[in-house]
């Protein structure tokens, strides 16, 4: 290519010199058989996306667009109980879980083979499938025949409470089971974040006389603040849509008072046949989940999760 062409911003594509500022799709693309193969591979994916994702979502929005369903939903006292329960699971449960996971990640980063062995055991609840894990929690606290009450009676000679006959105990068990199941995963995430912090930073802080608490307060937490925020947003989104915890641990006991929005939607549609009411309950969380999703995406795009 001549010096004049380079000066004018030209580049060579094959044997032809074209302007360098042209977008890639104007420089040529697949033609003939290449287009046919591309369409052949693309059509099945588009069909599955339309049939099983786009159509159900649009149909659900159409069914849930009736205003009468929302008035009936807001008049249902059980709905507000499920809203509060969802807030307890997504607000209290998520924040307690992430705080404990952040602290435990500082313990598991310590050297020692026995600590690594404890980490393997600690990860087992997360490695287990959710269904048997939560069913085991249910039968552990089921009542007189449950494992915990039987152990209390055999060891201490005391009679344990009927856990699922009390709203406070049943809801506390739901939150406890959720934390127990998912805290190992977030501990592993924070552990990976801690391992990515250069050791030189800690060495410099130690030379300056910083104590362990000072290093945690002024070094570890500021460097992992972005990661902690992203984990909080993502865990909150997952908790709002969580179904298996309330359904399999307490099963809504007592008298469906420990239902969350996901299980309430399921029961309204499949158990009682109130499709419009169930869809309205499912769509009512969109004013919460959509801003959280947008905030999560913006946080990832603008700041990046970096140390």
Protein backbone atom coordinates (compact mmCIF):
# COMPACT_ATOMS: atom_id res chain seq x y z
CA UNK A 1 0.00 0.00 0.00
CA UNK A 2 1.35 3.41 -0.92
CA UNK A 3 2.21 6.14 1.55
CA UNK A 4 -0.58 8.30 0.13
CA UNK A 5 -3.19 5.60 0.81
CA UNK A 6 -1.97 5.20 4.39
CA UNK A 7 -2.18 8.95 4.84
CA UNK A 8 -5.81 8.93 3.65
CA UNK A 9 -6.68 6.21 6.22
CA UNK A 10 -6.93 3.26 3.81
CA UNK A 11 -6.46 -0.40 4.64
CA UNK A 12 -6.11 -3.43 2.40
CA UNK A 13 -8.79 -6.14 2.36
CA UNK A 14 -7.53 -8.81 0.04
CA UNK A 15 -6.39 -6.99 -3.09
CA UNK A 16 -8.67 -3.99 -2.55
CA UNK A 17 -7.84 -0.82 -0.60
CA UNK A 18 -10.86 0.41 1.37
CA UNK A 19 -11.32 3.25 3.90
CA UNK A 20 -10.24 2.18 7.40
CA UNK A 21 -13.21 3.94 8.99
CA UNK A 22 -15.76 1.62 7.38
CA UNK A 23 -17.52 -0.67 9.92
CA UNK A 24 -16.67 -4.37 9.67
CA UNK A 25 -20.10 -5.42 8.37
CA UNK A 26 -19.64 -3.21 5.27
CA UNK A 27 -16.35 -4.85 4.35
CA UNK A 28 -18.05 -8.04 3.31
CA UNK A 29 -19.74 -10.92 5.10
CA UNK A 30 -20.94 -14.46 4.61
CA UNK A 31 -22.50 -15.14 1.25
CA UNK A 32 -24.20 -18.00 -0.51
CA UNK A 33 -23.87 -21.32 1.31
CA UNK A 34 -22.43 -19.61 4.38
CA UNK A 35 -25.67 -17.71 4.87
CA UNK A 36 -27.70 -20.91 4.45
CA UNK A 37 -25.66 -22.72 7.09
CA UNK A 38 -25.93 -19.75 9.45
CA UNK A 39 -29.71 -19.67 9.07
CA UNK A 40 -29.96 -23.45 9.51
CA UNK A 41 -28.10 -23.28 12.82
CA UNK A 42 -29.89 -20.14 14.03
CA UNK A 43 -33.51 -21.07 13.35
CA UNK A 44 -33.81 -23.88 15.98
CA UNK A 45 -32.44 -21.62 18.72
CA UNK A 46 -34.75 -18.77 17.76
CA UNK A 47 -37.74 -21.15 17.67
CA UNK A 48 -36.97 -22.51 21.14
CA UNK A 49 -36.45 -18.97 22.48
CA UNK A 50 -39.77 -17.78 21.07
CA UNK A 51 -41.73 -20.88 22.11
CA UNK A 52 -40.41 -21.33 25.65
CA UNK A 53 -39.24 -17.86 26.72
CA UNK A 54 -40.75 -14.96 24.77
CA UNK A 55 -44.26 -16.39 24.28
CA UNK A 56 -44.79 -17.50 27.94
CA UNK A 57 -43.53 -14.16 29.24
CA UNK A 58 -45.73 -12.15 26.88
CA UNK A 59 -48.73 -14.38 27.60
CA UNK A 60 -48.17 -14.00 31.32
CA UNK A 61 -47.98 -10.22 30.99
CA UNK A 62 -51.23 -10.28 29.01
CA UNK A 63 -53.02 -12.42 31.60
CA UNK A 64 -51.65 -10.31 34.44
CA UNK A 65 -52.64 -7.01 32.87
CA UNK A 66 -56.19 -7.12 34.27
CA UNK A 67 -56.60 -4.53 37.02
CA UNK A 68 -59.25 -6.60 38.84
CA UNK A 69 -56.65 -9.25 39.65
CA UNK A 70 -54.48 -6.72 41.45
CA UNK A 71 -57.38 -5.35 43.49
CA UNK A 72 -58.27 -8.88 44.59
CA UNK A 73 -54.61 -9.52 45.36
CA UNK A 74 -54.23 -6.43 47.52
CA UNK A 75 -57.44 -7.31 49.41
CA UNK A 76 -56.00 -10.73 50.29
CA UNK A 77 -54.39 -10.53 53.76
CA UNK A 78 -52.22 -13.56 53.00
CA UNK A 79 -50.55 -11.63 50.19
CA UNK A 80 -49.15 -8.99 52.54
CA UNK A 81 -47.87 -11.73 54.81
CA UNK A 82 -46.00 -13.26 51.88
CA UNK A 83 -44.57 -9.83 50.99
CA UNK A 84 -43.24 -9.48 54.53
CA UNK A 85 -41.85 -13.02 54.46
CA UNK A 86 -40.12 -12.35 51.16
CA UNK A 87 -38.61 -9.20 52.64
CA UNK A 88 -37.38 -11.19 55.63
CA UNK A 89 -35.76 -13.80 53.40
CA UNK A 90 -34.28 -11.36 50.89
CA UNK A 91 -33.47 -8.55 53.32
CA UNK A 92 -32.50 -10.10 56.62
CA UNK A 93 -31.42 -13.52 55.33
CA UNK A 94 -29.24 -12.21 52.51
CA UNK A 95 -27.47 -9.56 54.60
CA UNK A 96 -26.77 -11.91 57.51
CA UNK A 97 -25.60 -14.61 55.09
CA UNK A 98 -23.20 -12.33 53.19
CA UNK A 99 -21.80 -10.78 56.36
CA UNK A 100 -21.07 -14.21 57.85
CA UNK A 101 -19.68 -15.43 54.53
CA UNK A 102 -17.35 -12.43 54.39
CA UNK A 103 -16.07 -13.13 57.90
CA UNK A 104 -15.67 -16.86 57.26
CA UNK A 105 -13.68 -16.18 54.10
CA UNK A 106 -11.10 -14.50 56.34
CA UNK A 107 -10.87 -17.66 58.42
CA UNK A 108 -10.58 -20.06 55.50
CA UNK A 109 -7.79 -18.04 53.91
CA UNK A 110 -5.52 -18.87 56.86
CA UNK A 111 -2.81 -21.48 56.24
CA UNK A 112 -3.21 -24.98 57.58
CA UNK A 113 -4.30 -28.34 56.24
CA UNK A 114 -7.02 -28.74 58.83
CA UNK A 115 -8.53 -25.41 57.72
CA UNK A 116 -8.62 -26.65 54.11
CA UNK A 117 -10.29 -29.85 55.30
CA UNK A 118 -12.89 -27.78 57.16
CA UNK A 119 -13.47 -25.79 53.98
CA UNK A 120 -14.29 -29.00 52.09
CA UNK A 121 -16.80 -30.01 54.78
CA UNK A 122 -18.20 -26.49 54.87
CA UNK A 123 -18.92 -26.61 51.12
CA UNK A 124 -21.01 -29.78 51.37
CA UNK A 125 -24.41 -28.08 52.01
CA UNK A 126 -23.98 -26.03 48.84
CA UNK A 127 -22.81 -29.08 46.88
CA UNK A 128 -25.94 -31.02 47.86
CA UNK A 129 -29.01 -30.70 45.62
CA UNK A 130 -31.53 -28.26 47.07
CA UNK A 131 -34.42 -30.73 47.27
CA UNK A 132 -32.85 -33.37 49.58
CA UNK A 133 -31.07 -30.66 51.57
CA UNK A 134 -34.26 -28.78 52.41
CA UNK A 135 -36.31 -31.94 52.89
CA UNK A 136 -33.76 -33.12 55.44
CA UNK A 137 -34.16 -29.80 57.25
CA UNK A 138 -37.94 -30.27 57.19
CA UNK A 139 -37.83 -33.75 58.73
CA UNK A 140 -35.23 -32.66 61.25
CA UNK A 141 -37.68 -30.14 62.74
CA UNK A 142 -40.96 -31.88 61.90
CA UNK A 143 -42.15 -32.18 65.52
CA UNK A 144 -42.34 -35.10 67.94
CA UNK A 145 -40.86 -37.52 65.42
CA UNK A 146 -38.19 -35.12 64.21
CA UNK A 147 -34.51 -35.71 64.74
CA UNK A 148 -33.91 -32.62 66.87
CA UNK A 149 -36.83 -33.18 69.24
CA UNK A 150 -35.96 -36.86 69.58
CA UNK A 151 -32.35 -35.95 70.39
CA UNK A 152 -33.45 -33.38 72.97
CA UNK A 153 -35.68 -35.93 74.66
CA UNK A 154 -33.08 -38.71 74.66
CA UNK A 155 -30.11 -36.60 75.78
CA UNK A 156 -31.61 -33.93 78.03
CA UNK A 157 -35.04 -35.37 78.80
CA UNK A 158 -36.83 -32.25 77.58
CA UNK A 159 -39.64 -31.97 75.09
CA UNK A 160 -38.88 -29.76 72.11
CA UNK A 161 -41.40 -27.36 70.58
CA UNK A 162 -43.58 -28.13 67.59
CA UNK A 163 -41.53 -25.96 65.28
CA UNK A 164 -43.95 -25.59 62.40
CA UNK A 165 -46.92 -24.72 64.60
CA UNK A 166 -45.37 -21.34 65.38
CA UNK A 167 -45.02 -18.64 62.74
CA UNK A 168 -41.91 -17.17 64.34
CA UNK A 169 -40.12 -20.53 64.62
CA UNK A 170 -41.15 -21.70 61.15
CA UNK A 171 -40.06 -18.45 59.49
CA UNK A 172 -36.79 -18.48 61.41
CA UNK A 173 -36.16 -22.02 60.16
CA UNK A 174 -36.77 -20.90 56.57
CA UNK A 175 -34.22 -18.11 56.92
CA UNK A 176 -31.78 -20.41 58.72
CA UNK A 177 -32.09 -23.09 56.05
CA UNK A 178 -31.56 -20.55 53.28
CA UNK A 179 -28.41 -19.22 54.97
CA UNK A 180 -27.12 -22.75 55.65
CA UNK A 181 -27.60 -23.80 52.03
CA UNK A 182 -26.13 -20.80 50.20
CA UNK A 183 -23.58 -19.31 52.59
CA UNK A 184 -20.79 -21.72 51.44
CA UNK A 185 -21.12 -20.46 47.86
CA UNK A 186 -20.73 -16.80 48.82
CA UNK A 187 -17.91 -17.69 51.21
CA UNK A 188 -16.08 -19.23 48.26
CA UNK A 189 -16.69 -16.07 46.19
CA UNK A 190 -15.27 -13.83 48.92
CA UNK A 191 -12.39 -16.24 49.45
CA UNK A 192 -11.48 -15.92 45.77
CA UNK A 193 -11.65 -12.14 46.14
CA UNK A 194 -9.33 -12.19 49.13
CA UNK A 195 -6.84 -14.39 47.31
CA UNK A 196 -6.72 -11.86 44.49
CA UNK A 197 -5.48 -9.10 46.82
CA UNK A 198 -1.68 -8.76 46.47
CA UNK A 199 0.17 -9.80 49.60
CA UNK A 200 2.42 -6.75 49.25
CA UNK A 201 -0.44 -4.53 50.39
CA UNK A 202 -0.81 -6.47 53.63
CA UNK A 203 2.97 -6.46 54.15
CA UNK A 204 3.09 -2.69 53.72
CA UNK A 205 0.22 -2.25 56.19
CA UNK A 206 1.99 -4.52 58.70
CA UNK A 207 5.18 -2.49 58.35
CA UNK A 208 3.18 0.66 59.11
CA UNK A 209 2.01 -0.99 62.33
CA UNK A 210 -1.58 -1.80 61.30
CA UNK A 211 -3.29 -4.43 63.45
CA UNK A 212 -5.43 -7.24 62.09
CA UNK A 213 -8.63 -5.26 62.61
CA UNK A 214 -7.08 -2.21 60.95
CA UNK A 215 -5.99 -4.26 57.95
CA UNK A 216 -9.50 -5.66 57.65
CA UNK A 217 -11.13 -2.22 58.01
CA UNK A 218 -8.83 -0.16 55.81
CA UNK A 219 -7.44 -2.71 53.35
CA UNK A 220 -9.60 -5.79 52.86
CA UNK A 221 -13.07 -4.34 52.99
CA UNK A 222 -12.41 -1.26 50.76
CA UNK A 223 -10.77 -3.47 48.14
CA UNK A 224 -13.70 -5.92 48.19
CA UNK A 225 -16.46 -3.30 48.48
CA UNK A 226 -17.44 -3.55 44.80
CA UNK A 227 -17.51 -7.33 44.98
CA UNK A 228 -19.60 -7.21 48.15
CA UNK A 229 -22.13 -4.86 46.56
CA UNK A 230 -22.49 -6.98 43.43
CA UNK A 231 -22.91 -10.14 45.53
CA UNK A 232 -25.58 -8.40 47.61
CA UNK A 233 -27.56 -7.35 44.54
CA UNK A 234 -27.30 -10.77 42.94
CA UNK A 235 -28.17 -12.65 46.14
CA UNK A 236 -31.19 -10.38 46.68
CA UNK A 237 -32.48 -11.12 43.18
CA UNK A 238 -32.11 -14.85 43.79
CA UNK A 239 -33.78 -14.64 47.21
CA UNK A 240 -36.81 -12.72 45.90
CA UNK A 241 -37.40 -15.49 43.35
CA UNK A 242 -36.55 -18.33 45.76
CA UNK A 243 -39.15 -21.10 45.76
CA UNK A 244 -37.63 -24.26 47.22
CA UNK A 245 -36.79 -22.97 50.71
CA UNK A 246 -40.29 -22.03 51.87
CA UNK A 247 -41.94 -24.83 49.90
CA UNK A 248 -39.85 -27.70 51.25
CA UNK A 249 -38.69 -26.51 54.68
CA UNK A 250 -41.86 -25.15 56.27
CA UNK A 251 -44.30 -25.95 53.41
CA UNK A 252 -46.11 -22.73 54.33
CA UNK A 253 -46.91 -23.91 57.88
CA UNK A 254 -48.65 -22.85 59.95
CA UNK A 255 -51.71 -22.23 57.76
CA UNK A 256 -49.67 -20.87 54.82
CA UNK A 257 -48.35 -18.03 56.99
CA UNK A 258 -44.72 -18.65 55.96
CA UNK A 259 -45.35 -18.52 52.23
CA UNK A 260 -43.20 -16.26 50.07
CA UNK A 261 -44.24 -14.65 46.80
CA UNK A 262 -42.87 -17.50 44.68
CA UNK A 263 -44.77 -20.21 46.59
CA UNK A 264 -47.87 -18.00 46.89
CA UNK A 265 -47.92 -17.61 43.10
CA UNK A 266 -47.53 -21.35 42.62
CA UNK A 267 -50.34 -22.25 45.03
CA UNK A 268 -52.75 -19.67 43.62
CA UNK A 269 -52.28 -20.99 40.08
CA UNK A 270 -51.87 -24.75 40.51
CA UNK A 271 -53.58 -25.53 43.83
CA UNK A 272 -56.53 -23.13 43.75
CA UNK A 273 -56.86 -22.32 40.05
CA UNK A 274 -56.70 -18.53 40.47
CA UNK A 275 -54.53 -17.89 37.43
CA UNK A 276 -55.02 -14.11 37.28
CA UNK A 277 -54.39 -13.74 41.01
CA UNK A 278 -51.25 -15.86 40.85
CA UNK A 279 -49.87 -14.01 37.85
CA UNK A 280 -50.58 -10.68 39.53
CA UNK A 281 -48.62 -11.87 42.57
CA UNK A 282 -45.75 -12.88 40.31
CA UNK A 283 -45.72 -9.60 38.38
CA UNK A 284 -45.99 -7.40 41.44
CA UNK A 285 -42.32 -8.00 42.25
CA UNK A 286 -41.17 -6.46 38.95
CA UNK A 287 -40.92 -2.92 40.42
CA UNK A 288 -38.31 -4.40 42.77
CA UNK A 289 -36.46 -6.88 40.57
CA UNK A 290 -36.14 -4.68 37.47
CA UNK A 291 -34.38 -1.76 39.25
CA UNK A 292 -32.12 -4.26 41.04
CA UNK A 293 -31.23 -5.88 37.72
CA UNK A 294 -30.53 -2.52 36.07
CA UNK A 295 -28.41 -1.44 39.03
CA UNK A 296 -26.48 -4.70 38.90
CA UNK A 297 -25.80 -4.37 35.16
CA UNK A 298 -24.79 -0.72 35.47
CA UNK A 299 -22.50 -1.54 38.36
CA UNK A 300 -20.81 -4.26 36.36
CA UNK A 301 -20.46 -2.05 33.26
CA UNK A 302 -19.28 1.18 34.89
CA UNK A 303 -17.03 0.09 37.75
CA UNK A 304 -16.24 -3.54 36.99
CA UNK A 305 -15.74 -6.00 39.81
CA UNK A 306 -12.04 -5.44 40.28
CA UNK A 307 -9.73 -5.25 43.27
